[in-house]
Amino acid sequence: MRYVGLDVHWRTSTLCILDENGGKVKTQTVRGSWEKLLAELAKVPRPWSVCFEASCGYGVLHDRLRKLAARVVVAHPGRLRLIFRSKRKNDRLDAEKLAKLLYLDEVPAAHVPSPAVREWRALIEFRRALVDKRVRVKNALRSLLRSLGLAMPRGLWTKKGLAWLAATDLPSGSAAVRRDLLLDELESLRRKVKRVTSELDAIGASKASVAVLRTIPGVGPRTAEAVAAYVDDPHRFVRLRRVGSYFGLVPCQDASAGLNRLGRITREGPATPRKYLIEAAWRVVQLNAVARARFDRIAGGQRERRKIALVATAHWLLRCMLSMLQTGEAWRWAA
């Protein structure tokens, strides 16, 4: 068995090959696309295993390497930096480090979902990006009206409110141009969000995991699909508390000599499901007496601790979701 470490980029890649005893066979830089890299790897005597660092497009490269290698390991970039801290860094050294970690079987591996799950995640992220653009356009319209001293009616984004906005006489032609173009962009984004949402609803309807999470009062389709897509295989988490670290809902910790300092949450991992979980936690607190009691206990009646209590409730909700995904059991009200 040979061990191959790859430092992959779009236009140039470096590979380092170690033999079965950990000795270096060769280090080579391949200039060109991934096709040339795969062609060079096809010349390596089999069997061999390969390791590379997760980056943009790592899923496609992982799938193509599986056709050549006996084993493919994708390294977690954040944990990899904790292992190797050196003032000397270049592509050849990085490829050699990856090969040595693979030989020692000490690679901090990242989870690689299936192509279908990767497409699902990409569509979820695409919808959130469209919604963020729509929010920016709405804010631009509000800013325009305020700069002109115009009072906005209630329900500005309803059909009646948008009709009022389109028919309102503005004091200058330039303001009217901005208003008209922003309204056109808002309508375009509305159609796009509707189309993406329809596609996500169709995907979610075929997923048992989404159906199970939807049984939680206060959890909507967007939160359920985001958590289900990013958890993917619920049994890959050995302990329920690990899922909080994966989604970045645990606080930063600095403990030493009996002192334990907790800071803000780490915000590691996917941001979209974390955002949806925080939003869903507000609704769950309103509907679930157990969640409300937990929220009140952590807040302690102090207004400045409400955000801390909300994040802790979202972490608790996430652990409940993982347990439901592992067992397939629907939500049940606690006494």
Protein backbone atom coordinates (compact mmCIF):
# COMPACT_ATOMS: atom_id res chain seq x y z
CA MET A 1 0.00 0.00 0.00
CA ARG A 2 1.28 3.44 -0.95
CA TYR A 3 0.16 6.71 0.62
CA VAL A 4 -0.49 9.82 -1.46
CA GLY A 5 -0.87 13.34 -0.08
CA LEU A 6 -2.40 15.98 -2.34
CA ASP A 7 -2.24 19.75 -2.10
CA VAL A 8 -4.93 20.61 -4.62
CA HIS A 9 -5.58 23.91 -6.40
CA TRP A 10 -7.50 24.74 -9.56
CA ARG A 11 -4.51 25.29 -11.86
CA THR A 12 -1.70 23.50 -10.09
CA SER A 13 -1.53 20.57 -7.67
CA THR A 14 1.26 18.86 -5.76
CA LEU A 15 1.39 15.20 -4.81
CA CYS A 16 3.69 13.36 -2.41
CA ILE A 17 3.92 9.55 -2.44
CA LEU A 18 5.14 7.45 0.48
CA ASP A 19 5.86 3.72 0.33
CA GLU A 20 4.51 1.06 2.70
CA ASN A 21 7.27 1.92 5.23
CA GLY A 22 6.61 5.65 5.19
CA GLY A 23 9.59 6.49 3.02
CA LYS A 24 9.23 9.19 0.41
CA VAL A 25 8.97 7.86 -3.13
CA LYS A 26 8.58 11.14 -4.97
CA THR A 27 7.09 14.63 -4.86
CA GLN A 28 5.65 16.07 -8.04
CA THR A 29 3.88 19.27 -9.09
CA VAL A 30 1.21 18.90 -11.78
CA ARG A 31 0.30 22.04 -13.68
CA GLY A 32 -3.12 22.11 -15.25
CA SER A 33 -6.64 21.02 -14.46
CA TRP A 34 -7.75 18.14 -12.26
CA GLU A 35 -7.83 15.95 -15.37
CA LYS A 36 -4.03 16.06 -15.57
CA LEU A 37 -3.75 15.34 -11.86
CA LEU A 38 -6.00 12.29 -12.16
CA ALA A 39 -4.01 11.12 -15.18
CA GLU A 40 -0.79 11.26 -13.13
CA LEU A 41 -2.40 9.45 -10.22
CA ALA A 42 -3.57 6.69 -12.54
CA LYS A 43 0.11 5.85 -13.14
CA VAL A 44 0.76 5.15 -9.44
CA PRO A 45 1.08 1.38 -8.81
CA ARG A 46 -1.97 0.08 -6.97
CA PRO A 47 -3.12 -0.27 -4.26
CA TRP A 48 -2.75 3.21 -2.82
CA SER A 49 -4.71 5.52 -0.54
CA VAL A 50 -4.97 9.28 -0.89
CA CYS A 51 -5.63 12.27 1.35
CA PHE A 52 -6.39 15.89 0.46
CA GLU A 53 -7.74 18.94 2.26
CA ALA A 54 -11.41 19.92 1.93
CA SER A 55 -11.97 23.00 -0.22
CA CYS A 56 -14.39 24.19 -2.90
CA GLY A 57 -15.40 21.25 -5.08
CA TYR A 58 -13.92 18.63 -2.77
CA GLY A 59 -16.95 16.38 -3.22
CA VAL A 60 -16.46 15.99 -6.96
CA LEU A 61 -12.75 15.27 -6.56
CA HIS A 62 -13.53 12.75 -3.80
CA ASP A 63 -15.94 10.87 -6.07
CA ARG A 64 -13.44 10.74 -8.93
CA LEU A 65 -10.57 9.62 -6.72
CA ARG A 66 -12.68 6.76 -5.35
CA LYS A 67 -12.55 5.17 -8.80
CA LEU A 68 -8.74 5.04 -8.62
CA ALA A 69 -7.72 4.72 -4.98
CA ALA A 70 -8.33 1.99 -2.44
CA ARG A 71 -9.15 4.63 0.17
CA VAL A 72 -9.88 8.35 -0.01
CA VAL A 73 -9.71 10.57 3.09
CA VAL A 74 -10.71 14.25 3.10
CA ALA A 75 -8.94 16.24 5.82
CA HIS A 76 -10.75 18.86 7.89
CA PRO A 77 -8.92 22.17 7.19
CA GLY A 78 -9.56 23.73 10.62
CA ARG A 79 -8.35 20.74 12.60
CA LEU A 80 -5.44 20.25 10.24
CA ARG A 81 -4.09 23.71 11.08
CA LEU A 82 -4.14 22.81 14.77
CA ILE A 83 -1.95 19.76 14.09
CA PHE A 84 0.58 21.50 11.85
CA ARG A 85 1.75 24.97 12.86
CA SER A 86 4.89 25.92 11.05
CA LYS A 87 6.48 29.08 9.71
CA ARG A 88 7.53 27.12 6.62
CA LYS A 89 4.58 26.47 4.37
CA ASN A 90 4.46 25.60 0.70
CA ASP A 91 2.60 23.16 -1.53
CA ARG A 92 5.28 20.44 -1.42
CA LEU A 93 5.49 20.52 2.38
CA ASP A 94 1.69 20.49 2.70
CA ALA A 95 1.41 17.44 0.43
CA GLU A 96 4.10 15.65 2.44
CA LYS A 97 2.36 16.42 5.73
CA LEU A 98 -0.91 15.01 4.41
CA ALA A 99 0.83 11.86 3.20
CA LYS A 100 2.49 11.34 6.60
CA LEU A 101 -0.79 11.82 8.46
CA LEU A 102 -2.42 9.31 6.13
CA TYR A 103 0.40 6.82 6.75
CA LEU A 104 0.00 7.26 10.52
CA ASP A 105 -3.80 7.05 10.21
CA GLU A 106 -4.11 10.36 12.09
CA VAL A 107 -5.96 12.44 9.51
CA PRO A 108 -8.73 14.64 11.05
CA ALA A 109 -11.30 13.46 8.54
CA ALA A 110 -14.23 15.52 7.29
CA HIS A 111 -17.59 13.99 6.44
CA VAL A 112 -18.24 13.75 2.68
CA PRO A 113 -21.98 13.55 1.85
CA SER A 114 -23.36 11.85 -1.22
CA PRO A 115 -23.79 13.85 -4.46
CA ALA A 116 -27.57 14.06 -3.89
CA VAL A 117 -27.09 15.52 -0.40
CA ARG A 118 -24.48 17.97 -1.71
CA GLU A 119 -26.97 19.19 -4.31
CA TRP A 120 -29.63 19.48 -1.61
CA ARG A 121 -27.32 21.56 0.57
CA ALA A 122 -26.38 23.79 -2.37
CA LEU A 123 -30.04 24.49 -3.11
CA ILE A 124 -30.69 25.36 0.54
CA GLU A 125 -27.76 27.81 0.49
CA PHE A 126 -28.92 29.23 -2.85
CA ARG A 127 -32.37 29.96 -1.43
CA ARG A 128 -30.91 31.71 1.59
CA ALA A 129 -28.72 33.86 -0.68
CA LEU A 130 -31.82 34.86 -2.69
CA VAL A 131 -33.73 35.71 0.49
CA ASP A 132 -30.81 37.83 1.71
CA LYS A 133 -30.82 39.71 -1.60
CA ARG A 134 -34.57 40.28 -1.25
CA VAL A 135 -34.07 41.68 2.25
CA ARG A 136 -31.43 44.10 0.92
CA VAL A 137 -33.81 45.32 -1.80
CA LYS A 138 -36.58 45.88 0.76
CA ASN A 139 -34.18 47.81 2.97
CA ALA A 140 -33.15 49.92 -0.02
CA LEU A 141 -36.80 50.76 -0.72
CA ARG A 142 -37.40 51.70 2.92
CA SER A 143 -34.29 53.88 2.87
CA LEU A 144 -35.50 55.61 -0.30
CA LEU A 145 -38.88 56.44 1.22
CA ARG A 146 -37.36 57.71 4.45
CA SER A 147 -34.85 59.89 2.58
CA LEU A 148 -37.79 61.51 0.78
CA GLY A 149 -39.77 62.00 3.99
CA LEU A 150 -42.61 59.70 2.91
CA ALA A 151 -44.55 57.79 5.56
CA MET A 152 -44.83 54.07 4.84
CA PRO A 153 -48.21 52.35 5.27
CA ARG A 154 -48.61 49.13 7.20
CA GLY A 155 -48.19 46.01 5.11
CA LEU A 156 -45.83 47.64 2.64
CA TRP A 157 -44.85 44.26 1.12
CA THR A 158 -48.42 43.07 0.52
CA LYS A 159 -50.01 43.47 -2.93
CA LYS A 160 -51.85 46.57 -1.74
CA GLY A 161 -48.69 48.07 -0.24
CA LEU A 162 -46.60 47.40 -3.36
CA ALA A 163 -49.35 48.91 -5.56
CA TRP A 164 -49.26 52.05 -3.39
CA LEU A 165 -45.49 52.20 -3.68
CA ALA A 166 -45.58 51.85 -7.47
CA ALA A 167 -48.28 54.54 -7.87
CA THR A 168 -46.83 57.09 -5.43
CA ASP A 169 -45.59 60.31 -7.03
CA LEU A 170 -41.98 60.94 -6.08
CA PRO A 171 -40.44 64.42 -6.07
CA SER A 172 -37.74 63.67 -8.65
CA GLY A 173 -37.21 61.54 -11.72
CA SER A 174 -34.07 59.93 -10.33
CA ALA A 175 -35.97 58.75 -7.25
CA ALA A 176 -38.67 57.29 -9.48
CA VAL A 177 -36.04 55.41 -11.50
CA ARG A 178 -34.53 53.93 -8.34
CA ARG A 179 -37.99 53.00 -7.07
CA ASP A 180 -39.01 51.31 -10.31
CA LEU A 181 -35.78 49.33 -10.69
CA LEU A 182 -35.90 48.17 -7.07
CA LEU A 183 -39.50 47.05 -7.49
CA ASP A 184 -38.57 45.12 -10.63
CA GLU A 185 -35.70 43.46 -8.78
CA LEU A 186 -37.99 42.64 -5.85
CA GLU A 187 -40.53 40.97 -8.12
CA SER A 188 -37.78 39.01 -9.89
CA LEU A 189 -36.38 37.79 -6.58
CA ARG A 190 -39.88 36.85 -5.39
CA ARG A 191 -40.34 34.58 -8.42
CA LYS A 192 -36.91 33.01 -7.94
CA VAL A 193 -37.46 32.34 -4.24
CA LYS A 194 -40.84 30.81 -5.03
CA ARG A 195 -39.33 28.48 -7.63
CA VAL A 196 -36.47 27.35 -5.36
CA THR A 197 -38.86 26.90 -2.44
CA SER A 198 -41.11 24.71 -4.57
CA GLU A 199 -38.14 22.52 -5.50
CA LEU A 200 -37.03 22.25 -1.87
CA ASP A 201 -40.55 21.32 -0.80
CA ALA A 202 -40.55 18.51 -3.36
CA ILE A 203 -37.22 17.20 -2.07
CA GLY A 204 -38.34 17.47 1.56
CA ALA A 205 -41.56 15.58 0.85
CA SER A 206 -39.48 12.55 -0.12
CA LYS A 207 -37.27 12.65 2.99
CA ALA A 208 -38.38 10.76 6.10
CA SER A 209 -35.91 12.78 8.17
CA VAL A 210 -37.65 16.05 7.27
CA ALA A 211 -41.06 14.57 8.09
CA VAL A 212 -39.84 13.50 11.54
CA LEU A 213 -38.40 16.93 12.36
CA ARG A 214 -41.56 18.67 11.14
CA THR A 215 -43.47 16.99 13.99
CA ILE A 216 -41.77 19.42 16.42
CA PRO A 217 -44.18 22.31 17.09
CA GLY A 218 -42.49 25.52 15.96
CA VAL A 219 -40.09 23.86 13.48
CA GLY A 220 -40.94 24.71 9.89
CA PRO A 221 -39.87 23.15 6.60
CA ARG A 222 -36.80 25.34 6.15
CA THR A 223 -35.34 24.52 9.56
CA ALA A 224 -36.17 20.81 9.23
CA GLU A 225 -34.60 20.43 5.79
CA ALA A 226 -31.47 22.41 6.72
CA VAL A 227 -30.80 20.32 9.84
CA ALA A 228 -31.57 17.04 8.04
CA ALA A 229 -29.33 17.93 5.08
CA TYR A 230 -26.33 18.98 7.17
CA VAL A 231 -26.64 16.17 9.71
CA ASP A 232 -26.93 13.71 6.79
CA ASP A 233 -25.99 10.52 8.65
CA PRO A 234 -27.16 11.00 12.27
CA HIS A 235 -25.18 7.98 13.49
CA ARG A 236 -21.85 9.64 12.66
CA PHE A 237 -22.20 11.60 15.91
CA VAL A 238 -21.06 9.33 18.74
CA ARG A 239 -22.58 11.58 21.42
CA LEU A 240 -25.53 13.95 21.17
CA ARG A 241 -23.45 16.88 22.44
CA ARG A 242 -21.06 16.54 19.48
CA VAL A 243 -23.72 17.93 17.16
CA GLY A 244 -23.60 21.28 18.96
CA SER A 245 -19.90 21.63 18.17
CA TYR A 246 -20.53 20.70 14.54
CA PHE A 247 -23.10 23.48 14.15
CA GLY A 248 -21.07 26.02 16.16
CA LEU A 249 -23.60 26.42 18.99
CA VAL A 250 -21.17 25.76 21.84
CA PRO A 251 -19.27 28.57 23.59
CA CYS A 252 -15.56 29.18 23.22
CA GLN A 253 -13.75 27.83 26.25
CA ASP A 254 -10.50 28.77 27.96
CA ALA A 255 -9.98 26.55 31.00
CA SER A 256 -6.76 26.39 32.99
CA ALA A 257 -5.74 25.88 36.62
CA GLY A 258 -9.26 25.73 37.94
CA LEU A 259 -10.47 28.73 35.92
CA ASN A 260 -13.10 28.14 33.26
CA ARG A 261 -13.85 31.07 30.96
CA LEU A 262 -16.69 30.74 28.47
CA GLY A 263 -17.04 33.20 25.60
CA ARG A 264 -19.27 33.61 22.59
CA ILE A 265 -20.34 30.62 20.54
CA THR A 266 -17.72 29.30 18.13
CA ARG A 267 -19.87 29.81 14.98
CA GLU A 268 -18.04 26.94 13.33
CA GLY A 269 -19.77 24.77 10.79
CA PRO A 270 -22.71 25.66 8.51
CA ALA A 271 -24.23 29.07 9.20
CA THR A 272 -27.60 28.55 7.51
CA PRO A 273 -29.00 25.81 9.79
CA ARG A 274 -27.59 27.66 12.81
CA LYS A 275 -29.55 30.77 11.80
CA TYR A 276 -32.74 28.76 11.27
CA LEU A 277 -32.32 26.97 14.61
CA ILE A 278 -32.08 30.28 16.47
CA GLU A 279 -35.24 31.51 14.76
CA ALA A 280 -37.08 28.25 15.47
CA ALA A 281 -36.03 28.34 19.13
CA TRP A 282 -38.14 31.48 19.71
CA ARG A 283 -41.24 29.68 18.48
CA VAL A 284 -40.48 26.46 20.36
CA VAL A 285 -40.10 28.43 23.59
CA GLN A 286 -43.61 29.80 23.08
CA LEU A 287 -45.18 26.40 22.40
CA ASN A 288 -43.23 24.00 24.61
CA ALA A 289 -43.42 24.24 28.41
CA VAL A 290 -40.17 22.26 28.83
CA ALA A 291 -38.31 24.60 26.48
CA ARG A 292 -39.83 27.62 28.20
CA ALA A 293 -38.74 26.37 31.62
CA ARG A 294 -35.21 25.81 30.31
CA PHE A 295 -35.17 29.26 28.75
CA ASP A 296 -36.39 30.95 31.95
CA ARG A 297 -33.93 29.04 34.12
CA ILE A 298 -30.93 30.11 32.02
CA ALA A 299 -32.16 33.70 31.59
CA GLY A 300 -32.73 33.98 35.33
CA GLY A 301 -35.10 36.90 34.87
CA GLN A 302 -32.29 39.07 33.47
CA ARG A 303 -33.00 40.74 30.16
CA GLU A 304 -29.33 40.75 29.13
CA ARG A 305 -29.24 36.94 29.39
CA ARG A 306 -32.16 36.30 27.05
CA LYS A 307 -29.90 35.86 24.01
CA ILE A 308 -27.71 33.43 25.93
CA ALA A 309 -30.80 31.49 26.97
CA LEU A 310 -32.08 31.45 23.40
CA VAL A 311 -28.83 30.00 22.03
CA ALA A 312 -28.81 27.38 24.78
CA THR A 313 -32.41 26.48 23.90
CA ALA A 314 -31.44 26.17 20.23
CA HIS A 315 -28.60 23.84 21.26
CA TRP A 316 -31.06 21.73 23.30
CA LEU A 317 -33.48 21.67 20.36
CA LEU A 318 -30.70 20.50 18.05
CA ARG A 319 -29.83 17.63 20.38
CA CYS A 320 -33.50 16.63 20.44
CA MET A 321 -33.52 16.69 16.63
CA LEU A 322 -30.46 14.46 16.41
CA SER A 323 -32.00 11.98 18.83
CA MET A 324 -35.17 11.91 16.73
CA LEU A 325 -33.16 11.34 13.55
CA GLN A 326 -31.24 8.48 15.16
CA THR A 327 -34.34 6.70 16.46
CA GLY A 328 -36.89 7.78 13.84
CA GLU A 329 -39.27 8.69 16.66
CA ALA A 330 -41.65 11.64 16.23
CA TRP A 331 -41.84 14.48 18.72
CA ARG A 332 -43.75 13.84 21.91
CA TRP A 333 -44.72 16.35 24.55
CA ALA A 334 -42.86 15.93 27.81
CA ALA A 335 -44.81 15.99 31.05
